[in-house]
């Protein structure tokens, strides 16, 4: 069983036609509020990717590119500069580097497969909504995704000259306390394990206690 297979309506996350049904309290939750965000998608051409952390170590060069992609959605922001506009309150010019870690798969000259790590750095210069300073600090965070389509070994740098597709998202966020309507705590249904040899359902479906039959109903027969 899960949130989406439980037969009891109205007590699990999902669509509803009556949002007021079941509301029982107002609660304060801590959440990351996104004040503004923007996405950029770029096709890289002839980008020089430096490689480190070769596995296995010391491959025999030159290397032949096999594939490459980002590691999850982890990205870091560096060289951040926020310049506010005097004539546009709460808007600012946001300049930053978004650093996307990637893993590259290759074969070396002896046809031994291996992997190495690198970082694709994208420069952003955009206009975003940035609230005025408060006790709760504002932060600028990033999401990054990269797919490397091709790569040519660079004998000078020991890395690859690559082409690929990169998506970045820059967000202005803050960790805040938000007051929201609540349906109370979310009940967690029991898991439905997958097994190819179901020997226990008949046993587990039995009632916990025996059902008593009243003497009156017995005499009536």
N, C-alpha and C. Protein backbone atom coordinates (compact mmCIF):
# COMPACT_ATOMS: atom_id res chain seq x y z
N UNK A 1 0.85 -1.18 0.00
CA UNK A 1 0.00 0.00 0.00
C UNK A 1 0.89 1.24 0.00
N UNK A 2 0.38 2.34 -0.55
CA UNK A 2 1.10 3.60 -0.55
C UNK A 2 0.08 4.73 -0.56
N UNK A 3 0.54 5.98 -0.63
CA UNK A 3 -0.38 7.11 -0.70
C UNK A 3 -1.38 6.96 -1.85
N UNK A 4 -0.94 6.32 -2.93
CA UNK A 4 -1.72 6.32 -4.15
C UNK A 4 -2.49 5.02 -4.40
N UNK A 5 -2.38 4.08 -3.48
CA UNK A 5 -3.15 2.84 -3.61
C UNK A 5 -4.09 2.61 -2.44
N UNK A 6 -4.03 3.49 -1.42
CA UNK A 6 -4.92 3.33 -0.28
C UNK A 6 -6.34 3.69 -0.68
N UNK A 7 -7.31 2.90 -0.22
CA UNK A 7 -8.70 3.08 -0.63
C UNK A 7 -9.44 4.13 0.20
N UNK A 8 -8.82 4.62 1.26
CA UNK A 8 -9.51 5.60 2.11
C UNK A 8 -9.35 6.99 1.51
N UNK A 9 -10.45 7.63 1.10
CA UNK A 9 -10.34 8.94 0.44
C UNK A 9 -10.16 10.07 1.44
N UNK A 10 -9.55 11.15 0.98
CA UNK A 10 -9.54 12.38 1.75
C UNK A 10 -8.47 12.52 2.79
N UNK A 11 -7.60 11.53 2.99
CA UNK A 11 -6.60 11.64 4.05
C UNK A 11 -5.18 11.54 3.50
N UNK A 12 -5.02 11.51 2.19
CA UNK A 12 -3.70 11.42 1.60
C UNK A 12 -3.51 12.53 0.58
N UNK A 13 -2.26 12.86 0.22
CA UNK A 13 -2.02 13.88 -0.81
C UNK A 13 -2.65 13.47 -2.14
N UNK A 14 -3.13 14.46 -2.87
CA UNK A 14 -3.73 14.17 -4.17
C UNK A 14 -4.73 15.25 -4.54
N UNK A 15 -5.37 15.10 -5.69
CA UNK A 15 -6.34 16.07 -6.16
C UNK A 15 -7.61 16.02 -5.33
N UNK A 16 -8.27 17.17 -5.23
CA UNK A 16 -9.52 17.25 -4.49
C UNK A 16 -10.41 18.31 -5.10
N UNK A 17 -11.70 18.11 -5.02
CA UNK A 17 -12.65 19.10 -5.51
C UNK A 17 -13.14 20.01 -4.40
N UNK A 18 -12.93 19.62 -3.15
CA UNK A 18 -13.36 20.41 -2.01
C UNK A 18 -12.18 20.60 -1.08
N UNK A 19 -11.47 21.70 -1.27
CA UNK A 19 -10.24 21.89 -0.50
C UNK A 19 -10.53 22.18 0.96
N UNK A 20 -11.75 22.56 1.31
CA UNK A 20 -12.07 22.88 2.69
C UNK A 20 -12.37 21.63 3.51
N UNK A 21 -12.74 20.53 2.86
CA UNK A 21 -13.12 19.32 3.58
C UNK A 21 -11.93 18.73 4.32
N UNK A 22 -12.01 18.66 5.61
CA UNK A 22 -10.94 18.05 6.41
C UNK A 22 -9.95 19.04 6.99
N UNK A 23 -10.02 20.33 6.60
CA UNK A 23 -9.10 21.31 7.19
C UNK A 23 -9.37 21.42 8.68
N UNK A 24 -8.29 21.35 9.46
CA UNK A 24 -8.50 21.32 10.91
C UNK A 24 -7.62 22.30 11.68
N UNK A 25 -6.62 22.89 11.06
CA UNK A 25 -5.74 23.79 11.81
C UNK A 25 -4.90 24.64 10.86
N UNK A 26 -4.26 25.66 11.43
CA UNK A 26 -3.24 26.43 10.72
C UNK A 26 -1.91 26.09 11.36
N UNK A 27 -0.93 25.77 10.54
CA UNK A 27 0.37 25.38 11.09
C UNK A 27 1.48 26.23 10.48
N UNK A 28 2.55 26.38 11.24
CA UNK A 28 3.73 27.12 10.79
C UNK A 28 4.78 26.11 10.38
N UNK A 29 5.18 26.17 9.12
CA UNK A 29 6.21 25.24 8.63
C UNK A 29 7.42 26.02 8.15
N UNK A 30 8.57 25.40 8.24
CA UNK A 30 9.79 26.00 7.71
C UNK A 30 10.00 25.49 6.29
N UNK A 31 10.17 26.41 5.36
CA UNK A 31 10.30 26.03 3.96
C UNK A 31 11.25 26.98 3.25
N UNK A 32 11.75 26.53 2.11
CA UNK A 32 12.58 27.38 1.27
C UNK A 32 11.68 28.09 0.27
N UNK A 33 11.51 29.39 0.44
CA UNK A 33 10.66 30.15 -0.46
C UNK A 33 11.49 30.65 -1.64
N UNK A 34 10.97 30.42 -2.85
CA UNK A 34 11.64 30.89 -4.06
C UNK A 34 11.00 32.22 -4.46
N UNK A 35 11.77 33.30 -4.38
CA UNK A 35 11.27 34.63 -4.72
C UNK A 35 11.32 34.87 -6.23
N UNK A 36 12.31 34.32 -6.89
CA UNK A 36 12.41 34.48 -8.34
C UNK A 36 13.36 33.41 -8.87
N UNK A 37 13.22 33.11 -10.16
CA UNK A 37 14.07 32.09 -10.79
C UNK A 37 14.04 32.29 -12.30
N UNK A 38 15.09 31.86 -12.95
CA UNK A 38 15.12 31.88 -14.41
C UNK A 38 15.96 30.71 -14.91
N UNK A 39 15.62 30.24 -16.11
CA UNK A 39 16.30 29.07 -16.69
C UNK A 39 17.01 29.47 -17.98
N UNK A 40 18.15 28.88 -18.18
CA UNK A 40 18.92 29.11 -19.40
C UNK A 40 19.35 27.77 -19.98
N UNK A 41 19.17 27.61 -21.29
CA UNK A 41 19.59 26.39 -21.98
C UNK A 41 20.55 26.77 -23.11
N UNK A 42 21.72 26.17 -23.08
CA UNK A 42 22.81 26.55 -23.98
C UNK A 42 23.39 25.31 -24.64
N UNK A 43 23.70 25.43 -25.92
CA UNK A 43 24.42 24.37 -26.62
C UNK A 43 25.90 24.72 -26.62
N UNK A 44 26.68 23.92 -25.91
CA UNK A 44 28.12 24.15 -25.82
C UNK A 44 28.83 23.71 -27.09
N UNK A 45 29.83 24.48 -27.48
CA UNK A 45 30.67 24.12 -28.62
C UNK A 45 32.12 24.41 -28.25
N UNK A 46 32.98 23.42 -28.45
CA UNK A 46 34.43 23.59 -28.23
C UNK A 46 34.75 24.10 -26.82
N UNK A 47 34.12 23.51 -25.84
CA UNK A 47 34.38 23.87 -24.45
C UNK A 47 35.52 23.01 -23.92
N UNK A 48 36.51 23.63 -23.31
CA UNK A 48 37.67 22.91 -22.79
C UNK A 48 37.38 22.41 -21.38
N UNK A 49 37.30 21.09 -21.24
CA UNK A 49 36.97 20.48 -19.95
C UNK A 49 38.21 19.83 -19.35
N UNK A 50 38.62 20.34 -18.20
CA UNK A 50 39.75 19.79 -17.47
C UNK A 50 39.29 18.60 -16.64
N UNK A 51 40.08 17.52 -16.62
CA UNK A 51 39.70 16.29 -15.93
C UNK A 51 40.59 16.04 -14.72
N UNK A 52 39.97 15.48 -13.66
CA UNK A 52 40.69 15.07 -12.45
C UNK A 52 40.11 13.75 -11.97
N UNK A 53 40.73 13.20 -10.92
CA UNK A 53 40.23 11.97 -10.28
C UNK A 53 39.99 10.84 -11.28
N UNK A 54 41.04 10.52 -12.04
CA UNK A 54 40.93 9.43 -13.01
C UNK A 54 40.80 8.10 -12.29
N UNK A 55 39.89 7.27 -12.78
CA UNK A 55 39.68 5.94 -12.21
C UNK A 55 39.55 4.92 -13.34
N UNK A 56 40.53 4.01 -13.50
CA UNK A 56 41.75 3.85 -12.70
C UNK A 56 42.74 4.98 -12.96
N UNK A 57 43.63 5.16 -11.99
CA UNK A 57 44.61 6.25 -12.08
C UNK A 57 45.63 5.97 -13.17
N UNK A 58 46.18 7.05 -13.73
CA UNK A 58 47.25 6.95 -14.71
C UNK A 58 46.89 6.27 -16.00
N UNK A 59 45.80 6.66 -16.67
CA UNK A 59 45.47 6.03 -17.95
C UNK A 59 46.51 6.36 -19.01
N UNK A 60 46.65 5.47 -19.98
CA UNK A 60 47.58 5.70 -21.08
C UNK A 60 46.91 6.57 -22.14
N UNK A 61 47.48 7.73 -22.37
CA UNK A 61 46.90 8.67 -23.33
C UNK A 61 47.37 8.33 -24.75
N UNK A 62 46.63 8.78 -25.77
CA UNK A 62 45.44 9.64 -25.71
C UNK A 62 44.19 8.85 -25.31
N UNK A 63 43.20 9.59 -24.84
CA UNK A 63 41.93 8.98 -24.41
C UNK A 63 40.88 9.14 -25.50
N UNK A 64 39.97 8.18 -25.53
CA UNK A 64 38.85 8.24 -26.49
C UNK A 64 37.56 8.47 -25.72
N UNK A 65 36.85 9.54 -26.05
CA UNK A 65 35.61 9.90 -25.37
C UNK A 65 34.52 8.85 -25.63
N UNK A 66 33.79 8.50 -24.58
CA UNK A 66 32.66 7.58 -24.70
C UNK A 66 31.35 8.29 -24.38
N UNK A 67 31.25 8.90 -23.21
CA UNK A 67 30.05 9.62 -22.81
C UNK A 67 30.36 10.55 -21.66
N UNK A 68 29.40 11.41 -21.36
CA UNK A 68 29.58 12.32 -20.24
C UNK A 68 28.28 12.98 -19.85
N UNK A 69 28.09 13.20 -18.55
CA UNK A 69 26.88 13.88 -18.08
C UNK A 69 27.10 14.42 -16.67
N UNK A 70 26.17 15.26 -16.25
CA UNK A 70 26.27 15.86 -14.94
C UNK A 70 26.00 14.84 -13.85
N UNK A 71 26.47 15.15 -12.64
CA UNK A 71 26.31 14.27 -11.50
C UNK A 71 25.09 14.75 -10.72
N UNK A 72 23.95 14.09 -10.91
CA UNK A 72 22.72 14.53 -10.24
C UNK A 72 22.35 15.93 -10.67
N UNK A 73 21.79 16.70 -9.74
CA UNK A 73 21.41 18.08 -10.03
C UNK A 73 22.23 19.07 -9.22
N UNK A 74 23.35 18.59 -8.66
CA UNK A 74 24.17 19.42 -7.80
C UNK A 74 24.91 20.47 -8.63
N UNK A 75 24.81 21.71 -8.22
CA UNK A 75 25.56 22.80 -8.84
C UNK A 75 25.86 23.83 -7.75
N UNK A 76 26.97 24.53 -7.90
CA UNK A 76 27.35 25.54 -6.93
C UNK A 76 27.44 26.90 -7.61
N UNK A 77 27.26 27.94 -6.80
CA UNK A 77 27.33 29.32 -7.30
C UNK A 77 28.61 29.95 -6.77
N UNK A 78 29.35 30.61 -7.64
CA UNK A 78 30.57 31.30 -7.23
C UNK A 78 30.62 32.67 -7.91
N UNK A 79 31.49 33.53 -7.39
CA UNK A 79 31.69 34.89 -7.93
C UNK A 79 30.35 35.63 -8.06
N UNK A 80 29.55 35.54 -7.00
CA UNK A 80 28.22 36.15 -7.02
C UNK A 80 28.30 37.65 -6.75
N UNK A 81 27.65 38.42 -7.62
CA UNK A 81 27.55 39.87 -7.44
C UNK A 81 26.10 40.29 -7.67
N UNK A 82 25.53 41.01 -6.68
CA UNK A 82 24.16 41.51 -6.79
C UNK A 82 24.20 43.03 -6.81
N UNK A 83 23.75 43.63 -7.90
CA UNK A 83 23.75 45.08 -8.06
C UNK A 83 22.31 45.56 -8.20
N UNK A 84 21.81 46.28 -7.20
CA UNK A 84 20.43 46.73 -7.21
C UNK A 84 20.24 47.94 -8.13
N UNK A 85 19.01 48.06 -8.66
CA UNK A 85 18.66 49.19 -9.50
C UNK A 85 17.99 50.27 -8.64
N UNK A 86 18.46 51.50 -8.75
CA UNK A 86 17.87 52.60 -7.97
C UNK A 86 16.43 52.87 -8.41
N UNK A 87 16.13 52.69 -9.69
CA UNK A 87 14.80 53.02 -10.21
C UNK A 87 13.85 51.82 -10.25
N UNK A 88 14.31 50.65 -9.79
CA UNK A 88 13.46 49.45 -9.78
C UNK A 88 13.63 48.74 -8.44
N UNK A 89 12.87 49.14 -7.43
CA UNK A 89 13.00 48.53 -6.10
C UNK A 89 12.79 47.01 -6.16
N UNK A 90 13.61 46.30 -5.42
CA UNK A 90 13.56 44.84 -5.29
C UNK A 90 14.02 44.09 -6.54
N UNK A 91 14.50 44.80 -7.56
CA UNK A 91 15.09 44.13 -8.71
C UNK A 91 16.59 44.42 -8.73
N UNK A 92 17.34 43.45 -9.26
CA UNK A 92 18.79 43.60 -9.24
C UNK A 92 19.43 42.85 -10.41
N UNK A 93 20.60 43.30 -10.76
CA UNK A 93 21.44 42.57 -11.71
C UNK A 93 22.21 41.51 -10.93
N UNK A 94 22.03 40.25 -11.32
CA UNK A 94 22.68 39.13 -10.63
C UNK A 94 23.70 38.51 -11.57
N UNK A 95 24.95 38.57 -11.16
CA UNK A 95 26.05 37.99 -11.94
C UNK A 95 26.66 36.85 -11.12
N UNK A 96 26.84 35.70 -11.76
CA UNK A 96 27.35 34.53 -11.04
C UNK A 96 27.89 33.50 -12.01
N UNK A 97 28.76 32.65 -11.48
CA UNK A 97 29.20 31.45 -12.19
C UNK A 97 28.46 30.25 -11.60
N UNK A 98 27.91 29.44 -12.47
CA UNK A 98 27.25 28.20 -12.05
C UNK A 98 28.16 27.05 -12.42
N UNK A 99 28.62 26.32 -11.41
CA UNK A 99 29.58 25.24 -11.59
C UNK A 99 28.89 23.89 -11.53
N UNK A 100 28.93 23.14 -12.63
CA UNK A 100 28.21 21.88 -12.75
C UNK A 100 29.21 20.73 -12.80
N UNK A 101 29.24 19.88 -11.78
CA UNK A 101 30.15 18.72 -11.82
C UNK A 101 29.67 17.69 -12.83
N UNK A 102 30.61 17.13 -13.58
CA UNK A 102 30.29 16.12 -14.59
C UNK A 102 31.24 14.94 -14.46
N UNK A 103 30.77 13.80 -14.96
CA UNK A 103 31.60 12.60 -15.04
C UNK A 103 31.74 12.20 -16.50
N UNK A 104 32.96 11.91 -16.91
CA UNK A 104 33.24 11.53 -18.29
C UNK A 104 33.73 10.09 -18.31
N UNK A 105 33.18 9.31 -19.22
CA UNK A 105 33.62 7.92 -19.43
C UNK A 105 34.45 7.86 -20.70
N UNK A 106 35.55 7.10 -20.66
CA UNK A 106 36.48 7.05 -21.79
C UNK A 106 37.13 5.68 -21.86
N UNK A 107 37.87 5.45 -22.91
CA UNK A 107 38.81 4.33 -23.00
C UNK A 107 40.18 4.90 -23.30
N UNK A 108 41.22 4.30 -22.72
CA UNK A 108 42.56 4.83 -22.98
C UNK A 108 43.18 4.14 -24.20
N UNK A 109 44.44 4.43 -24.44
CA UNK A 109 45.11 3.91 -25.64
C UNK A 109 45.16 2.39 -25.64
N UNK A 110 45.16 1.78 -24.46
CA UNK A 110 45.18 0.32 -24.35
C UNK A 110 43.77 -0.27 -24.29
N UNK A 111 42.79 0.54 -24.62
CA UNK A 111 41.37 0.13 -24.63
C UNK A 111 40.86 -0.24 -23.24
N UNK A 112 41.46 0.35 -22.21
CA UNK A 112 41.01 0.14 -20.83
C UNK A 112 39.98 1.22 -20.50
N UNK A 113 38.76 0.83 -20.11
CA UNK A 113 37.74 1.83 -19.79
C UNK A 113 38.04 2.53 -18.47
N UNK A 114 37.59 3.77 -18.37
CA UNK A 114 37.80 4.53 -17.15
C UNK A 114 36.86 5.72 -17.07
N UNK A 115 36.89 6.38 -15.93
CA UNK A 115 36.09 7.59 -15.73
C UNK A 115 36.95 8.68 -15.13
N UNK A 116 36.51 9.90 -15.32
CA UNK A 116 37.18 11.05 -14.73
C UNK A 116 36.14 12.12 -14.43
N UNK A 117 36.51 13.08 -13.58
CA UNK A 117 35.59 14.12 -13.18
C UNK A 117 36.04 15.48 -13.71
N UNK A 118 35.05 16.33 -13.94
CA UNK A 118 35.33 17.67 -14.40
C UNK A 118 34.23 18.62 -13.97
N UNK A 119 34.38 19.89 -14.30
CA UNK A 119 33.38 20.89 -13.96
C UNK A 119 33.13 21.80 -15.15
N UNK A 120 31.86 21.93 -15.51
CA UNK A 120 31.46 22.89 -16.54
C UNK A 120 30.99 24.15 -15.83
N UNK A 121 31.58 25.29 -16.17
CA UNK A 121 31.22 26.55 -15.53
C UNK A 121 30.51 27.45 -16.53
N UNK A 122 29.28 27.83 -16.16
CA UNK A 122 28.48 28.72 -16.99
C UNK A 122 28.35 30.08 -16.31
N UNK A 123 28.53 31.15 -17.06
CA UNK A 123 28.43 32.50 -16.53
C UNK A 123 27.04 33.06 -16.79
N UNK A 124 26.42 33.56 -15.73
CA UNK A 124 25.09 34.15 -15.84
C UNK A 124 25.15 35.64 -15.49
N UNK A 125 24.43 36.45 -16.26
CA UNK A 125 24.31 37.88 -16.02
C UNK A 125 22.85 38.23 -16.32
N UNK A 126 22.00 38.24 -15.27
CA UNK A 126 20.55 38.32 -15.47
C UNK A 126 19.93 39.32 -14.50
N UNK A 127 18.66 39.64 -14.74
CA UNK A 127 17.87 40.50 -13.86
C UNK A 127 16.87 39.63 -13.12
N UNK A 128 16.88 39.73 -11.79
CA UNK A 128 15.98 38.93 -10.96
C UNK A 128 15.38 39.79 -9.85
N UNK A 129 14.25 39.33 -9.33
CA UNK A 129 13.63 39.95 -8.17
C UNK A 129 14.42 39.55 -6.93
N UNK A 130 14.96 40.53 -6.22
CA UNK A 130 15.73 40.27 -5.00
C UNK A 130 15.15 41.13 -3.88
N UNK A 131 14.46 40.53 -2.92
CA UNK A 131 13.85 41.33 -1.84
C UNK A 131 14.88 42.16 -1.07
N UNK A 132 14.37 43.18 -0.41
CA UNK A 132 15.25 44.03 0.39
C UNK A 132 15.83 43.25 1.56
N UNK A 133 16.99 43.67 2.08
CA UNK A 133 17.64 42.95 3.19
C UNK A 133 16.72 42.83 4.41
N UNK A 134 16.80 41.70 5.08
CA UNK A 134 16.03 41.43 6.29
C UNK A 134 16.89 40.59 7.23
N UNK A 135 16.35 40.29 8.41
CA UNK A 135 17.10 39.45 9.35
C UNK A 135 17.33 38.06 8.77
N UNK A 136 16.34 37.55 8.04
CA UNK A 136 16.50 36.27 7.35
C UNK A 136 17.26 36.50 6.05
N UNK A 137 18.40 35.87 5.88
CA UNK A 137 19.22 36.16 4.70
C UNK A 137 18.65 35.59 3.41
N UNK A 138 18.87 36.32 2.34
CA UNK A 138 18.54 35.86 1.00
C UNK A 138 19.74 35.10 0.45
N UNK A 139 19.46 34.03 -0.30
CA UNK A 139 20.53 33.25 -0.91
C UNK A 139 20.25 33.08 -2.40
N UNK A 140 21.30 32.89 -3.17
CA UNK A 140 21.18 32.59 -4.60
C UNK A 140 21.75 31.20 -4.82
N UNK A 141 20.90 30.29 -5.31
CA UNK A 141 21.30 28.90 -5.51
C UNK A 141 21.06 28.53 -6.96
N UNK A 142 21.59 27.37 -7.35
CA UNK A 142 21.51 26.99 -8.76
C UNK A 142 21.26 25.50 -8.91
N UNK A 143 20.60 25.18 -10.01
CA UNK A 143 20.44 23.81 -10.50
C UNK A 143 21.18 23.73 -11.82
N UNK A 144 21.83 22.60 -12.09
CA UNK A 144 22.55 22.46 -13.34
C UNK A 144 22.48 21.06 -13.89
N UNK A 145 22.26 20.94 -15.18
CA UNK A 145 22.22 19.63 -15.85
C UNK A 145 23.01 19.75 -17.15
N UNK A 146 23.85 18.77 -17.40
CA UNK A 146 24.69 18.79 -18.61
C UNK A 146 24.74 17.40 -19.23
N UNK A 147 24.61 17.36 -20.54
CA UNK A 147 24.79 16.13 -21.31
C UNK A 147 25.85 16.41 -22.35
N UNK A 148 26.95 15.66 -22.29
CA UNK A 148 28.07 15.86 -23.22
C UNK A 148 27.88 14.93 -24.40
N UNK A 149 27.75 15.53 -25.58
CA UNK A 149 27.46 14.75 -26.78
C UNK A 149 28.72 14.19 -27.42
N UNK A 150 29.81 14.94 -27.37
CA UNK A 150 31.04 14.49 -28.03
C UNK A 150 32.23 15.13 -27.34
N UNK A 151 33.39 14.50 -27.53
CA UNK A 151 34.60 15.03 -26.94
C UNK A 151 35.84 14.57 -27.69
N UNK A 152 36.79 15.46 -27.81
CA UNK A 152 38.06 15.17 -28.47
C UNK A 152 39.18 15.40 -27.47
N UNK A 153 40.08 14.42 -27.35
CA UNK A 153 41.16 14.54 -26.37
C UNK A 153 42.08 15.69 -26.70
N UNK A 154 42.40 16.49 -25.68
CA UNK A 154 43.28 17.65 -25.82
C UNK A 154 44.64 17.30 -25.21
N UNK A 155 45.64 17.14 -26.04
CA UNK A 155 46.96 16.72 -25.56
C UNK A 155 47.62 17.79 -24.70
N UNK A 156 47.22 19.03 -24.87
CA UNK A 156 47.81 20.13 -24.11
C UNK A 156 47.30 20.15 -22.67
N UNK A 157 45.98 20.02 -22.49
CA UNK A 157 45.38 20.12 -21.16
C UNK A 157 45.20 18.75 -20.49
N UNK A 158 45.23 17.66 -21.27
CA UNK A 158 44.97 16.35 -20.71
C UNK A 158 43.51 16.09 -20.46
N UNK A 159 42.65 16.97 -21.01
CA UNK A 159 41.20 16.79 -20.87
C UNK A 159 40.56 16.62 -22.23
N UNK A 160 39.30 17.04 -22.34
CA UNK A 160 38.57 16.92 -23.59
C UNK A 160 38.06 18.29 -24.04
N UNK A 161 38.03 18.49 -25.33
CA UNK A 161 37.28 19.60 -25.91
C UNK A 161 35.92 19.04 -26.27
N UNK A 162 34.88 19.57 -25.62
CA UNK A 162 33.57 18.92 -25.68
C UNK A 162 32.51 19.80 -26.34
N UNK A 163 31.45 19.14 -26.77
CA UNK A 163 30.22 19.79 -27.20
C UNK A 163 29.07 19.11 -26.46
N UNK A 164 28.05 19.89 -26.13
CA UNK A 164 26.95 19.29 -25.38
C UNK A 164 25.84 20.27 -25.12
N UNK A 165 24.92 19.87 -24.25
CA UNK A 165 23.73 20.66 -23.93
C UNK A 165 23.71 20.90 -22.42
N UNK A 166 23.52 22.16 -22.04
CA UNK A 166 23.56 22.53 -20.63
C UNK A 166 22.30 23.32 -20.27
N UNK A 167 21.66 22.91 -19.17
CA UNK A 167 20.52 23.64 -18.62
C UNK A 167 20.89 24.13 -17.23
N UNK A 168 20.67 25.42 -16.97
CA UNK A 168 20.93 25.98 -15.65
C UNK A 168 19.70 26.74 -15.18
N UNK A 169 19.46 26.70 -13.87
CA UNK A 169 18.39 27.47 -13.25
C UNK A 169 18.98 28.22 -12.06
N UNK A 170 18.78 29.52 -12.06
CA UNK A 170 19.25 30.38 -10.97
C UNK A 170 18.05 30.80 -10.14
N UNK A 171 18.15 30.66 -8.81
CA UNK A 171 17.02 30.95 -7.93
C UNK A 171 17.44 31.91 -6.82
N UNK A 172 16.52 32.81 -6.47
CA UNK A 172 16.67 33.67 -5.30
C UNK A 172 15.76 33.09 -4.22
N UNK A 173 16.35 32.64 -3.12
CA UNK A 173 15.58 31.90 -2.11
C UNK A 173 15.89 32.41 -0.71
N UNK A 174 15.03 32.00 0.23
CA UNK A 174 15.27 32.24 1.65
C UNK A 174 14.53 31.16 2.43
N UNK A 175 15.10 30.73 3.54
CA UNK A 175 14.45 29.78 4.43
C UNK A 175 13.55 30.58 5.38
N UNK A 176 12.24 30.36 5.28
CA UNK A 176 11.28 31.17 6.03
C UNK A 176 10.27 30.27 6.75
N UNK A 177 9.53 30.88 7.68
CA UNK A 177 8.42 30.21 8.34
C UNK A 177 7.13 30.67 7.66
N UNK A 178 6.34 29.70 7.18
CA UNK A 178 5.14 30.00 6.43
C UNK A 178 3.93 29.44 7.17
N UNK A 179 2.86 30.27 7.28
CA UNK A 179 1.62 29.82 7.89
C UNK A 179 0.71 29.26 6.80
N UNK A 180 0.33 27.97 6.93
CA UNK A 180 -0.47 27.32 5.89
C UNK A 180 -1.62 26.56 6.53
N UNK A 181 -2.73 26.39 5.80
CA UNK A 181 -3.81 25.53 6.30
C UNK A 181 -3.37 24.08 6.27
N UNK A 182 -3.90 23.30 7.21
CA UNK A 182 -3.44 21.92 7.34
C UNK A 182 -4.61 20.98 7.56
N UNK A 183 -4.44 19.76 7.08
CA UNK A 183 -5.37 18.67 7.33
C UNK A 183 -4.88 17.79 8.48
N UNK A 184 -3.88 18.25 9.21
CA UNK A 184 -3.31 17.45 10.28
C UNK A 184 -2.16 16.60 9.77
N UNK A 185 -1.66 15.74 10.62
CA UNK A 185 -0.55 14.88 10.24
C UNK A 185 -0.96 13.92 9.14
N UNK A 186 -0.02 13.60 8.27
CA UNK A 186 -0.30 12.71 7.16
C UNK A 186 -0.17 11.26 7.63
N UNK A 187 -1.25 10.47 7.56
CA UNK A 187 -1.15 9.06 7.96
C UNK A 187 -0.31 8.27 6.96
N UNK A 188 0.54 7.41 7.46
CA UNK A 188 1.41 6.63 6.60
C UNK A 188 0.86 5.20 6.51
N UNK A 189 0.45 4.76 5.32
CA UNK A 189 -0.09 3.41 5.19
C UNK A 189 1.03 2.37 5.22
N UNK A 190 0.71 1.11 5.53
CA UNK A 190 1.74 0.07 5.51
C UNK A 190 2.22 -0.18 4.09
N UNK A 191 3.48 -0.57 3.96
CA UNK A 191 4.06 -0.85 2.65
C UNK A 191 3.46 -2.13 2.07
N UNK A 192 3.42 -2.19 0.76
CA UNK A 192 3.03 -3.40 0.06
C UNK A 192 4.28 -4.04 -0.53
N UNK A 193 4.88 -5.02 0.14
CA UNK A 193 6.12 -5.61 -0.37
C UNK A 193 5.85 -6.46 -1.60
N UNK A 194 6.82 -6.45 -2.50
CA UNK A 194 6.73 -7.33 -3.67
C UNK A 194 7.39 -8.65 -3.32
N UNK A 195 6.69 -9.74 -3.57
CA UNK A 195 7.26 -11.06 -3.35
C UNK A 195 6.63 -12.03 -4.33
N UNK A 196 7.41 -12.98 -4.79
CA UNK A 196 6.91 -13.96 -5.73
C UNK A 196 6.32 -15.19 -5.06
N UNK A 197 6.37 -15.21 -3.73
CA UNK A 197 5.88 -16.38 -3.01
C UNK A 197 5.02 -15.91 -1.84
N UNK A 198 3.78 -15.56 -2.13
CA UNK A 198 2.89 -15.02 -1.10
C UNK A 198 2.28 -16.16 -0.29
N UNK A 199 2.89 -16.45 0.86
CA UNK A 199 2.39 -17.53 1.69
C UNK A 199 1.65 -17.01 2.92
N UNK A 200 1.77 -15.69 3.21
CA UNK A 200 1.22 -15.17 4.45
C UNK A 200 -0.07 -14.38 4.34
N UNK A 201 -0.49 -13.87 3.14
CA UNK A 201 -1.70 -13.04 3.12
C UNK A 201 -2.90 -13.67 3.79
N UNK A 202 -3.13 -14.96 3.59
CA UNK A 202 -4.29 -15.60 4.20
C UNK A 202 -4.22 -15.57 5.71
N UNK A 203 -3.01 -15.68 6.26
CA UNK A 203 -2.84 -15.64 7.70
C UNK A 203 -3.00 -14.22 8.22
N UNK A 204 -2.36 -13.27 7.53
CA UNK A 204 -2.39 -11.88 7.98
C UNK A 204 -3.78 -11.26 7.84
N UNK A 205 -4.64 -11.84 6.99
CA UNK A 205 -5.98 -11.29 6.80
C UNK A 205 -6.96 -11.75 7.89
N UNK A 206 -6.54 -12.70 8.71
CA UNK A 206 -7.41 -13.15 9.79
C UNK A 206 -7.61 -12.05 10.82
N UNK A 207 -8.78 -11.98 11.46
CA UNK A 207 -8.99 -10.98 12.51
C UNK A 207 -8.10 -11.27 13.71
N UNK A 208 -7.80 -10.22 14.45
CA UNK A 208 -6.93 -10.39 15.61
C UNK A 208 -7.61 -11.23 16.70
N UNK A 209 -8.93 -11.03 16.91
CA UNK A 209 -9.66 -11.76 17.94
C UNK A 209 -10.80 -12.55 17.30
N UNK A 210 -11.19 -13.68 17.90
CA UNK A 210 -12.32 -14.44 17.35
C UNK A 210 -13.62 -13.66 17.49
N UNK A 211 -14.51 -13.89 16.55
CA UNK A 211 -15.80 -13.22 16.58
C UNK A 211 -16.78 -14.03 17.43
N UNK A 212 -17.32 -13.40 18.45
CA UNK A 212 -18.26 -14.07 19.36
C UNK A 212 -19.66 -14.03 18.79
N UNK A 213 -20.39 -15.14 18.92
CA UNK A 213 -21.79 -15.22 18.49
C UNK A 213 -22.66 -15.22 19.74
N UNK A 214 -23.62 -14.33 19.80
CA UNK A 214 -24.45 -14.20 20.99
C UNK A 214 -25.32 -15.44 21.19
N UNK A 215 -25.59 -15.85 22.44
CA UNK A 215 -26.46 -17.01 22.70
C UNK A 215 -27.84 -16.85 22.10
N UNK A 216 -28.37 -15.62 22.08
CA UNK A 216 -29.71 -15.42 21.55
C UNK A 216 -29.79 -15.80 20.08
N UNK A 217 -28.77 -15.40 19.31
CA UNK A 217 -28.80 -15.73 17.88
C UNK A 217 -28.64 -17.21 17.66
N UNK A 218 -27.92 -17.91 18.56
CA UNK A 218 -27.74 -19.37 18.44
C UNK A 218 -29.04 -20.09 18.73
N UNK A 219 -29.76 -19.67 19.80
CA UNK A 219 -31.03 -20.32 20.18
C UNK A 219 -32.10 -20.09 19.13
N UNK A 220 -32.00 -18.96 18.43
CA UNK A 220 -33.03 -18.63 17.44
C UNK A 220 -33.02 -19.62 16.29
N UNK A 221 -31.89 -20.25 16.04
CA UNK A 221 -31.81 -21.22 14.97
C UNK A 221 -32.44 -22.54 15.41
